[in-house]
Amino acid sequence: MSARRLAAIIGTGPWPAPAYDSLAGTIAHAITDGRVPVGVRLPSERELAAALGLSRTTSTRAYAQLRELGYVRTRRGSGSLVELPQVPGGRIDHLLSPTGPAADGIDLTCTATVAPIGLLDAYERALTQLHAYLPGTGYYPSGIPQLRELIADRYTRRGLPTRPDDILITSGALGGAAIGIRALLNGSGGVLVESPSYPNAIATIAAAGARIVPYPLEITEAGHHWDVAAMGQTMREGRVRAAYLIPDFHNPTGALMPTEQRAELAEELTRSSVVPVIDESLVDLGLDGTAPQTPLGAFAPDAISVGSMSKVFWGGLRIGWMRVPASRMDDAAAVRLTLDLGAPVLEQLVAAELLGADDAILTQMRARLAVARDRLVDDLRALLPSWHVVVPSGGMALWVRLPEERSGALVSTALAHGLTLASGPNFAPAGGLDRWIRVPFTVAEAELADVAPRLAAAWEDAQAMPDPRPADRARIVA
């Protein structure tokens, strides 16, 4: 790779002091993001310094740091070759990918991105504060006050007045949803769940002993939306006590519930005596400059809302939260203590650093996801014109309708083409959805270009497989 090309990828600064450190961090991020491919030879230190207008000492120290971190291997006669740091046991846990990713495979089962630039700085700043907490026990079941105040303020600024005492810090949004459902049901009862919905949440609700009552999202050519009257009827007929809802860039469809409809839904929830657990994990990932909608909890005072750092920042930052009405806080806290005694203090300090800073990281994340979404949509429409692709205004994935009910077959054939997919039925609370597939656009830039071609090849193979449905029998007319 020429110095000119590398400069075009990483930019030409400015480079915050120490310049070698910020240069190394920027190159490392370009490598993990796939913009600088593994195996490529980087330009010489002298060439890079000239292209960036930096000193030779700066580029030399940057390369040395990249070697120390495991991103570069230098061989005599071969120069500095890009590689990824070795991680004992791999970068993806076997519980997320039981089959294990192929060497050149692309994993589309998980909507998650690599860590953004700036995350390591947040960890370093958090470490300078950790010493103040070491004389204590380290247990903060409610969460450290600093983080609770920041999250409460975010809710208040969005239109839902919140006190720090209304916040519980959890191990991710899924942990918060589990606490909320258990606190509301106390061992039994029905829960309304949108269909499709987040698979891990479906499993969590079922594990809580709940009876799942599915509400199928309405489908039009423009995408998915909610029919509030139909939801109310489903609540009453299904005799549900709670609901798990994703009104903000719904997973997996990306649908966004309008503010006026949220007020209508709150009325139906109150009429049916149903308390919602509202998953706002993706609320900050509007990709088209859409104005944030008023939180559903602002119209439903009894609601429990959950959020997370994992989607908008990094999956390894397992920090989430719950906003719980004062009347339900004791029940939620009691359930929480049966599961764990609090999230790690260091990670809470990192979360506070990120939430207390400006929105530069979020702005960068939104811009990157918007470009990836548009590119994937264009590729799918060009190579798979029979697939129906709706462009979501936010989120991290496309929810695509296939021309035939072959989602399961596609998952099977995709493995031979180096793709790991989650079939539509995984997102179905009560079965079905074999005509749908979720396609995340969160993979590295270098992998994104291969997604549609591999899907097209896998779809051709899937169509050649025998139809899994029973053949229609001809009607005999006497």
Protein backbone atom coordinates (compact mmCIF):
# COMPACT_ATOMS: atom_id res chain seq x y z
CA MET A 1 0.00 0.00 0.00
CA SER A 2 1.40 3.36 -1.01
CA ALA A 3 1.83 6.16 1.49
CA ARG A 4 -0.60 8.24 -0.54
CA ARG A 5 -3.28 5.53 -0.32
CA LEU A 6 -2.78 5.04 3.42
CA ALA A 7 -3.01 8.81 3.96
CA ALA A 8 -6.29 8.86 2.02
CA ILE A 9 -7.66 6.15 4.32
CA ILE A 10 -6.56 7.52 7.69
CA GLY A 11 -6.58 11.25 6.90
CA THR A 12 -3.82 13.79 7.35
CA GLY A 13 -4.49 14.95 10.91
CA PRO A 14 -4.39 16.90 13.03
CA TRP A 15 -2.61 14.42 15.29
CA PRO A 16 -3.21 15.13 19.02
CA ALA A 17 -0.09 14.88 21.16
CA PRO A 18 1.71 12.62 21.36
CA ALA A 19 1.40 12.47 17.58
CA TYR A 20 2.96 8.99 17.26
CA ASP A 21 0.33 7.57 19.63
CA SER A 22 -2.66 9.07 17.82
CA LEU A 23 -1.18 8.04 14.44
CA ALA A 24 -0.71 4.46 15.65
CA GLY A 25 -4.26 4.40 17.04
CA THR A 26 -5.73 5.67 13.78
CA ILE A 27 -3.87 3.07 11.71
CA ALA A 28 -4.86 0.31 14.16
CA HIS A 29 -8.52 1.31 13.86
CA ALA A 30 -8.30 1.26 10.06
CA ILE A 31 -6.90 -2.28 10.31
CA THR A 32 -9.61 -3.58 12.66
CA ASP A 33 -12.24 -1.86 10.51
CA GLY A 34 -10.95 -3.67 7.42
CA ARG A 35 -9.99 -0.51 5.50
CA VAL A 36 -6.36 -1.59 5.67
CA PRO A 37 -6.44 -5.32 4.83
CA VAL A 38 -4.51 -7.96 6.75
CA GLY A 39 -1.41 -9.06 4.83
CA VAL A 40 -0.81 -5.77 3.02
CA ARG A 41 2.63 -4.18 3.22
CA LEU A 42 2.58 -0.70 4.73
CA PRO A 43 4.62 2.13 3.22
CA SER A 44 8.04 2.77 4.68
CA GLU A 45 8.33 5.03 7.71
CA ARG A 46 10.05 7.68 5.59
CA GLU A 47 7.34 7.61 2.88
CA LEU A 48 4.50 7.80 5.40
CA ALA A 49 6.12 10.67 7.26
CA ALA A 50 6.47 12.62 4.02
CA ALA A 51 2.86 11.92 2.96
CA LEU A 52 1.49 13.09 6.32
CA GLY A 53 3.83 15.99 6.87
CA LEU A 54 5.22 14.44 10.05
CA SER A 55 8.74 13.77 11.24
CA ARG A 56 10.45 10.48 10.55
CA THR A 57 10.72 10.01 14.31
CA THR A 58 6.93 10.18 14.66
CA SER A 59 6.23 7.56 12.00
CA THR A 60 9.01 5.31 13.36
CA ARG A 61 7.56 5.42 16.88
CA ALA A 62 4.05 4.84 15.50
CA TYR A 63 5.18 1.70 13.64
CA ALA A 64 7.03 0.52 16.74
CA GLN A 65 3.84 0.87 18.77
CA LEU A 66 1.85 -1.01 16.14
CA ARG A 67 4.40 -3.83 16.31
CA GLU A 68 4.18 -3.89 20.10
CA LEU A 69 0.37 -4.06 19.93
CA GLY A 70 0.46 -6.88 17.37
CA TYR A 71 -0.89 -5.00 14.34
CA VAL A 72 2.34 -5.05 12.34
CA ARG A 73 5.01 -7.68 11.77
CA THR A 74 8.30 -6.53 10.23
CA ARG A 75 10.33 -8.95 8.13
CA ARG A 76 13.71 -8.28 6.58
CA GLY A 77 13.18 -7.70 2.88
CA SER A 78 9.37 -7.68 3.20
CA GLY A 79 8.74 -4.49 5.12
CA SER A 80 5.96 -3.97 7.66
CA LEU A 81 3.09 -6.39 7.08
CA VAL A 82 -0.39 -5.85 8.57
CA GLU A 83 -1.82 -8.52 10.87
CA LEU A 84 -4.33 -8.72 13.68
CA PRO A 85 -3.26 -9.17 17.30
CA GLN A 86 -3.56 -12.71 18.57
CA VAL A 87 -6.38 -13.22 21.07
CA PRO A 88 -6.23 -16.43 23.14
CA GLY A 89 -9.36 -18.41 22.38
CA GLY A 90 -10.43 -16.21 19.48
CA ARG A 91 -12.40 -12.98 19.10
CA ILE A 92 -15.88 -14.55 19.03
CA ASP A 93 -17.18 -16.76 21.83
CA HIS A 94 -18.39 -20.23 20.81
CA LEU A 95 -21.80 -19.53 22.36
CA LEU A 96 -22.39 -16.79 19.78
CA SER A 97 -20.98 -18.80 16.86
CA PRO A 98 -21.28 -22.52 17.75
CA THR A 99 -20.02 -23.67 14.35
CA GLY A 100 -17.01 -21.39 14.49
CA PRO A 101 -16.27 -18.86 11.74
CA ALA A 102 -14.39 -19.97 8.65
CA ALA A 103 -10.93 -18.52 8.05
CA ASP A 104 -12.29 -16.14 5.40
CA GLY A 105 -15.87 -16.22 6.65
CA ILE A 106 -18.19 -13.30 7.35
CA ASP A 107 -20.37 -13.57 10.45
CA LEU A 108 -23.78 -11.94 9.94
CA THR A 109 -25.43 -13.44 13.02
CA CYS A 110 -24.49 -10.54 15.29
CA THR A 111 -25.22 -6.82 14.91
CA ALA A 112 -22.10 -5.38 16.48
CA THR A 113 -19.20 -3.25 15.33
CA VAL A 114 -15.53 -3.11 16.19
CA ALA A 115 -14.49 -0.61 18.87
CA PRO A 116 -14.46 3.00 17.67
CA ILE A 117 -11.55 5.40 17.83
CA GLY A 118 -11.62 7.04 21.25
CA LEU A 119 -12.68 4.01 23.27
CA LEU A 120 -9.15 3.22 24.43
CA ASP A 121 -8.75 6.84 25.54
CA ALA A 122 -11.91 6.50 27.63
CA TYR A 123 -10.47 3.40 29.32
CA GLU A 124 -7.24 5.25 30.07
CA ARG A 125 -9.11 8.19 31.61
CA ALA A 126 -11.27 5.80 33.64
CA LEU A 127 -8.17 4.07 35.03
CA THR A 128 -6.97 7.35 36.51
CA GLN A 129 -10.19 7.50 38.56
CA LEU A 130 -10.33 3.88 39.68
CA HIS A 131 -8.02 4.39 42.68
CA ALA A 132 -10.75 6.39 44.48
CA TYR A 133 -13.02 3.33 44.48
CA LEU A 134 -10.45 0.76 45.61
CA PRO A 135 -10.78 1.41 49.37
CA GLY A 136 -14.45 0.33 49.14
CA THR A 137 -15.91 -3.11 48.47
CA GLY A 138 -16.44 -2.43 44.76
CA TYR A 139 -20.09 -3.53 44.93
CA TYR A 140 -22.50 -1.04 43.37
CA PRO A 141 -25.77 -2.91 42.67
CA SER A 142 -27.47 0.37 41.77
CA GLY A 143 -24.47 1.66 39.83
CA ILE A 144 -21.92 4.35 40.58
CA PRO A 145 -23.62 7.73 41.21
CA GLN A 146 -21.67 9.52 38.47
CA LEU A 147 -23.03 7.22 35.75
CA ARG A 148 -26.59 7.22 37.08
CA GLU A 149 -26.63 11.01 37.03
CA LEU A 150 -25.48 11.13 33.42
CA ILE A 151 -28.09 8.61 32.26
CA ALA A 152 -30.86 10.36 34.21
CA ASP A 153 -29.89 13.63 32.55
CA ARG A 154 -30.04 12.02 29.09
CA TYR A 155 -33.61 10.84 29.73
CA THR A 156 -34.60 14.26 31.03
CA ARG A 157 -33.18 16.01 27.95
CA ARG A 158 -35.12 13.62 25.71
CA GLY A 159 -38.40 14.60 27.37
CA LEU A 160 -38.71 12.07 30.19
CA PRO A 161 -37.87 13.72 33.55
CA THR A 162 -35.69 11.30 35.50
CA ARG A 163 -33.83 11.30 38.82
CA PRO A 164 -30.60 9.35 39.42
CA ASP A 165 -32.56 7.25 41.94
CA ASP A 166 -34.73 6.04 39.03
CA ILE A 167 -31.71 4.38 37.38
CA LEU A 168 -30.26 0.90 37.90
CA ILE A 169 -27.00 0.02 36.12
CA THR A 170 -27.05 -3.50 34.65
CA SER A 171 -24.90 -5.84 32.61
CA GLY A 172 -26.29 -4.78 29.24
CA ALA A 173 -29.84 -4.01 28.11
CA LEU A 174 -30.69 -7.71 27.98
CA GLY A 175 -29.88 -7.99 31.67
CA GLY A 176 -32.16 -5.03 32.33
CA ALA A 177 -34.98 -6.60 30.31
CA ALA A 178 -34.63 -9.87 32.23
CA ILE A 179 -34.86 -8.01 35.55
CA GLY A 180 -37.85 -6.00 34.38
CA ILE A 181 -39.83 -8.99 33.09
CA ARG A 182 -39.18 -11.02 36.24
CA ALA A 183 -40.12 -8.13 38.49
CA LEU A 184 -43.39 -7.56 36.61
CA LEU A 185 -44.49 -11.18 36.31
CA ASN A 186 -43.28 -12.68 39.58
CA GLY A 187 -43.17 -16.14 38.03
CA SER A 188 -46.19 -16.23 35.69
CA GLY A 189 -48.20 -14.24 33.19
CA GLY A 190 -48.37 -13.31 29.54
CA VAL A 191 -45.99 -10.94 27.74
CA LEU A 192 -46.80 -9.24 24.46
CA VAL A 193 -43.82 -9.48 22.08
CA GLU A 194 -43.60 -7.97 18.62
CA SER A 195 -43.06 -10.42 15.78
CA PRO A 196 -40.32 -10.33 14.61
CA SER A 197 -38.25 -9.43 17.64
CA TYR A 198 -34.78 -9.74 19.15
CA PRO A 199 -34.04 -13.49 19.55
CA ASN A 200 -32.13 -13.20 22.83
CA ALA A 201 -34.99 -11.22 24.35
CA ILE A 202 -37.47 -13.89 23.23
CA ALA A 203 -35.34 -16.54 24.96
CA THR A 204 -34.98 -14.37 28.07
CA ILE A 205 -38.74 -13.85 28.37
CA ALA A 206 -39.41 -17.55 27.89
CA ALA A 207 -36.79 -18.42 30.52
CA ALA A 208 -38.61 -16.15 32.99
CA GLY A 209 -41.59 -18.48 32.76
CA ALA A 210 -43.69 -16.07 30.71
CA ARG A 211 -46.36 -17.01 28.22
CA ILE A 212 -45.38 -15.19 25.04
CA VAL A 213 -48.22 -13.55 23.10
CA PRO A 214 -46.95 -12.44 19.67
CA TYR A 215 -48.14 -9.29 17.91
CA PRO A 216 -47.21 -9.39 14.19
CA LEU A 217 -45.95 -6.01 12.98
CA GLU A 218 -47.92 -4.70 10.03
CA ILE A 219 -46.17 -4.96 6.65
CA THR A 220 -46.46 -2.57 3.72
CA GLU A 221 -44.27 -1.88 0.72
CA ALA A 222 -42.65 0.90 2.77
CA GLY A 223 -41.72 -1.47 5.56
CA HIS A 224 -43.03 -2.39 9.00
CA HIS A 225 -45.20 -0.38 11.34
CA TRP A 226 -47.45 -0.78 14.38
CA ASP A 227 -51.26 -0.95 14.39
CA VAL A 228 -52.02 0.36 17.87
CA ALA A 229 -55.67 -0.74 17.86
CA ALA A 230 -54.65 -4.27 16.86
CA MET A 231 -52.01 -4.28 19.61
CA GLY A 232 -54.64 -3.31 22.18
CA GLN A 233 -56.95 -6.06 21.00
CA THR A 234 -54.10 -8.60 21.19
CA MET A 235 -53.28 -7.48 24.75
CA ARG A 236 -56.84 -7.94 25.94
CA GLU A 237 -57.51 -11.20 24.13
CA GLY A 238 -54.14 -12.59 25.22
CA ARG A 239 -54.64 -11.49 28.86
CA VAL A 240 -51.09 -10.18 29.05
CA ARG A 241 -49.56 -8.39 32.04
CA ALA A 242 -46.42 -7.01 30.41
CA ALA A 243 -45.02 -6.17 26.99
CA TYR A 244 -41.53 -6.16 25.52
CA LEU A 245 -41.37 -3.41 22.89
CA ILE A 246 -38.66 -1.89 20.66
CA PRO A 247 -40.13 1.38 19.31
CA ASP A 248 -36.80 2.99 18.36
CA PHE A 249 -35.19 1.43 15.25
CA HIS A 250 -36.80 -1.89 16.01
CA ASN A 251 -34.60 -4.99 15.92
CA PRO A 252 -34.62 -6.50 13.30
CA THR A 253 -36.83 -4.33 11.05
CA GLY A 254 -35.36 -0.89 11.83
CA ALA A 255 -38.90 0.56 12.14
CA LEU A 256 -39.33 3.78 14.13
CA MET A 257 -42.60 4.47 15.95
CA PRO A 258 -43.81 8.07 15.45
CA THR A 259 -44.23 10.18 18.58
CA GLU A 260 -47.99 10.63 18.10
CA GLN A 261 -48.46 6.87 17.90
CA ARG A 262 -46.58 6.43 21.18
CA ALA A 263 -49.25 8.45 22.99
CA GLU A 264 -51.94 6.23 21.46
CA LEU A 265 -50.08 3.07 22.44
CA ALA A 266 -49.68 4.32 26.01
CA GLU A 267 -53.46 4.71 26.22
CA GLU A 268 -53.95 1.13 25.04
CA LEU A 269 -51.38 -0.13 27.55
CA THR A 270 -53.17 1.69 30.39
CA ARG A 271 -56.59 0.45 29.22
CA SER A 272 -55.31 -3.13 29.20
CA SER A 273 -53.36 -2.78 32.51
CA VAL A 274 -50.16 -3.79 30.73
CA VAL A 275 -46.74 -2.53 31.83
CA PRO A 276 -44.16 -2.30 29.02
CA VAL A 277 -40.45 -3.01 29.12
CA ILE A 278 -39.11 -0.67 26.46
CA ASP A 279 -35.81 -1.60 24.81
CA GLU A 280 -33.99 1.56 23.67
CA SER A 281 -30.64 -0.09 22.81
CA LEU A 282 -30.60 1.46 19.32
CA VAL A 283 -32.20 4.81 20.11
CA ASP A 284 -29.01 6.77 19.30
CA LEU A 285 -28.51 5.15 15.89
CA GLY A 286 -30.69 7.31 13.67
CA LEU A 287 -28.83 7.40 10.35
CA ASP A 288 -30.75 10.00 8.35
CA GLY A 289 -30.74 12.94 10.72
CA THR A 290 -34.21 11.99 11.96
CA ALA A 291 -35.19 13.99 15.03
CA PRO A 292 -35.34 11.75 18.13
CA GLN A 293 -38.86 10.70 19.05
CA THR A 294 -40.20 11.42 22.53
CA PRO A 295 -39.53 8.34 24.71
CA LEU A 296 -42.50 5.99 24.97
CA GLY A 297 -41.96 6.10 28.73
CA ALA A 298 -42.95 9.79 28.71
CA PHE A 299 -46.50 8.71 27.82
CA ALA A 300 -46.53 5.54 29.95
CA PRO A 301 -45.35 6.54 33.45
CA ASP A 302 -45.45 2.94 34.66
CA ALA A 303 -43.04 1.77 31.96
CA ILE A 304 -39.60 0.28 32.52
CA SER A 305 -37.03 1.43 29.96
CA VAL A 306 -33.69 -0.26 29.25
CA GLY A 307 -30.66 0.93 27.32
CA SER A 308 -27.09 -0.09 26.64
CA MET A 309 -23.57 1.02 25.70
CA SER A 310 -22.95 -2.18 23.74
CA LYS A 311 -24.63 -1.32 20.44
CA VAL A 312 -23.62 2.30 20.05
CA PHE A 313 -20.07 1.95 21.39
CA TRP A 314 -18.70 -1.61 21.69
CA GLY A 315 -20.11 -5.05 22.51
CA GLY A 316 -17.30 -5.69 24.98
CA LEU A 317 -18.50 -2.78 27.11
CA ARG A 318 -21.16 -4.73 28.98
CA ILE A 319 -22.89 -1.80 30.62
CA GLY A 320 -26.63 -1.24 30.41
CA TRP A 321 -29.27 0.44 32.51
CA MET A 322 -32.89 0.46 33.57
CA ARG A 323 -35.13 3.44 34.18
CA VAL A 324 -37.64 2.20 36.74
CA PRO A 325 -40.64 4.06 38.23
CA ALA A 326 -40.24 4.68 41.96
CA SER A 327 -43.21 2.42 42.72
CA ARG A 328 -41.44 -0.55 41.09
CA MET A 329 -37.85 0.10 42.12
CA ASP A 330 -37.92 -2.14 45.20
CA ASP A 331 -39.16 -5.13 43.16
CA ALA A 332 -36.60 -4.51 40.41
CA ALA A 333 -33.76 -4.12 42.91
CA ALA A 334 -34.74 -7.34 44.69
CA VAL A 335 -34.75 -9.29 41.42
CA ARG A 336 -31.46 -7.72 40.39
CA LEU A 337 -29.75 -8.98 43.57
CA THR A 338 -30.76 -12.55 42.71
CA LEU A 339 -28.83 -12.29 39.44
CA ASP A 340 -25.65 -10.36 40.31
CA LEU A 341 -24.28 -7.71 42.65
CA GLY A 342 -23.50 -5.03 40.13
CA ALA A 343 -21.61 -4.18 36.96
CA PRO A 344 -17.80 -3.76 37.02
CA VAL A 345 -16.70 -0.38 38.37
CA LEU A 346 -14.04 0.20 35.69
CA GLU A 347 -16.53 -0.33 32.87
CA GLN A 348 -19.00 2.00 34.58
CA LEU A 349 -16.29 4.67 34.70
CA VAL A 350 -15.60 4.10 31.00
CA ALA A 351 -19.31 4.46 30.24
CA ALA A 352 -19.40 7.71 32.23
CA GLU A 353 -16.42 9.03 30.25
CA LEU A 354 -18.14 8.25 26.96
CA LEU A 355 -21.54 9.63 27.93
CA GLY A 356 -20.04 12.72 29.50
CA ALA A 357 -17.99 13.61 26.40
CA ASP A 358 -19.23 15.21 23.20
CA ASP A 359 -21.00 13.17 20.53
CA ALA A 360 -17.95 12.82 18.26
CA ILE A 361 -17.81 9.02 18.58
CA LEU A 362 -21.55 8.66 18.01
CA THR A 363 -21.42 11.00 15.03
CA GLN A 364 -18.60 8.93 13.56
CA MET A 365 -20.52 5.69 14.19
CA ARG A 366 -23.72 7.00 12.57
CA ALA A 367 -21.85 8.25 9.50
CA ARG A 368 -20.07 4.95 9.04
CA LEU A 369 -23.25 2.90 9.44
CA ALA A 370 -25.19 5.12 7.04
CA VAL A 371 -22.55 4.62 4.33
CA ALA A 372 -22.48 0.86 4.96
CA ARG A 373 -26.30 0.62 4.88
CA ASP A 374 -26.57 2.47 1.57
CA ARG A 375 -23.81 0.42 -0.03
CA LEU A 376 -25.35 -2.88 1.06
CA VAL A 377 -28.80 -1.82 -0.16
CA ASP A 378 -27.37 -0.91 -3.58
CA ASP A 379 -25.47 -4.21 -3.80
CA LEU A 380 -28.49 -6.31 -2.83
CA ARG A 381 -30.80 -4.54 -5.27
CA ALA A 382 -28.27 -4.98 -8.05
CA LEU A 383 -27.45 -8.66 -7.46
CA LEU A 384 -30.72 -9.89 -5.92
CA PRO A 385 -33.50 -7.84 -7.54
CA SER A 386 -36.18 -10.33 -6.50
CA TRP A 387 -35.49 -9.60 -2.81
CA HIS A 388 -37.56 -6.84 -1.23
CA VAL A 389 -35.25 -4.45 0.62
CA VAL A 390 -36.63 -1.62 2.74
CA VAL A 391 -34.14 1.07 3.77
CA PRO A 392 -34.46 1.67 7.54
CA SER A 393 -33.87 5.16 8.92
CA GLY A 394 -31.70 3.76 11.70
CA GLY A 395 -30.37 0.68 13.41
CA MET A 396 -27.73 -1.78 12.31
CA ALA A 397 -29.38 -4.25 9.91
CA LEU A 398 -31.71 -4.78 6.97
CA TRP A 399 -34.79 -6.97 7.34
CA VAL A 400 -35.20 -8.46 3.87
CA ARG A 401 -38.18 -10.32 2.40
CA LEU A 402 -37.27 -13.25 0.18
CA PRO A 403 -39.41 -14.22 -2.83
CA GLU A 404 -39.85 -17.71 -1.37
CA GLU A 405 -39.96 -19.28 2.10
CA ARG A 406 -36.34 -20.43 2.02
CA SER A 407 -34.65 -18.56 4.84
CA GLY A 408 -33.59 -21.82 6.50
CA ALA A 409 -32.27 -23.19 3.22
CA LEU A 410 -30.34 -19.97 2.61
CA VAL A 411 -28.67 -20.21 6.02
CA SER A 412 -27.58 -23.75 5.15
CA THR A 413 -26.20 -22.98 1.68
CA ALA A 414 -24.54 -19.75 2.83
CA LEU A 415 -22.05 -21.69 4.96
CA ALA A 416 -20.42 -23.07 1.79
CA HIS A 417 -19.91 -19.48 0.64
CA GLY A 418 -18.31 -18.29 3.86
CA LEU A 419 -21.40 -16.60 5.32
CA THR A 420 -22.96 -17.30 8.70
CA LEU A 421 -26.57 -16.10 8.87
CA ALA A 422 -29.49 -16.14 11.29
CA SER A 423 -32.70 -17.35 9.66
CA GLY A 424 -36.00 -15.50 9.89
CA PRO A 425 -37.63 -18.02 12.28
CA ASN A 426 -34.99 -17.10 14.90
CA PHE A 427 -36.78 -13.76 15.21
CA ALA A 428 -40.26 -15.27 15.46
CA PRO A 429 -41.74 -15.49 18.99
CA ALA A 430 -44.22 -18.14 17.83
CA GLY A 431 -42.82 -19.63 14.62
CA GLY A 432 -42.92 -18.61 10.98
CA LEU A 433 -40.95 -15.85 9.19
CA ASP A 434 -39.10 -18.28 6.91
CA ARG A 435 -39.53 -15.73 4.12
CA TRP A 436 -37.31 -13.21 5.92
CA ILE A 437 -33.62 -12.80 6.63
CA ARG A 438 -31.71 -10.23 8.70
CA VAL A 439 -28.60 -8.82 7.01
CA PRO A 440 -26.47 -6.60 9.29
CA PHE A 441 -24.39 -3.83 7.77
CA THR A 442 -22.00 -3.68 10.71
CA VAL A 443 -19.20 -5.81 9.26
CA ALA A 444 -15.81 -4.35 8.40
CA GLU A 445 -15.63 -2.27 5.23
CA ALA A 446 -13.42 -4.81 3.46
CA GLU A 447 -15.98 -7.57 4.14
CA LEU A 448 -19.04 -5.54 3.20
CA ALA A 449 -18.28 -5.68 -0.53
CA ASP A 450 -18.37 -9.51 -0.36
CA VAL A 451 -21.71 -9.81 1.43
CA ALA A 452 -24.10 -9.40 -1.52
CA PRO A 453 -22.08 -11.55 -3.99
CA ARG A 454 -21.89 -14.38 -1.45
CA LEU A 455 -25.59 -14.04 -0.67
CA ALA A 456 -26.42 -14.17 -4.38
CA ALA A 457 -24.41 -17.37 -4.84
CA ALA A 458 -25.95 -18.91 -1.71
CA TRP A 459 -29.47 -17.96 -2.85
CA GLU A 460 -28.90 -19.67 -6.19
CA ASP A 461 -27.96 -22.84 -4.31
CA ALA A 462 -30.93 -22.49 -1.95
CA GLN A 463 -33.35 -22.26 -4.86
CA ALA A 464 -31.97 -25.52 -6.25
CA MET A 465 -32.80 -27.36 -3.01
CA PRO A 466 -36.11 -29.29 -2.78
CA ASP A 467 -38.99 -27.15 -1.53
CA PRO A 468 -39.39 -27.97 2.19
CA ARG A 469 -43.13 -27.27 2.10
CA PRO A 470 -45.59 -30.06 1.26
CA ALA A 471 -46.75 -29.95 -2.33
CA ASP A 472 -50.28 -28.66 -2.91
CA ARG A 473 -52.61 -31.51 -3.82
CA ALA A 474 -54.80 -30.98 -6.85
CA ARG A 475 -58.48 -30.76 -5.96
CA ILE A 476 -60.54 -33.57 -7.51
CA VAL A 477 -63.89 -32.35 -8.81
CA ALA A 478 -66.55 -35.04 -9.10
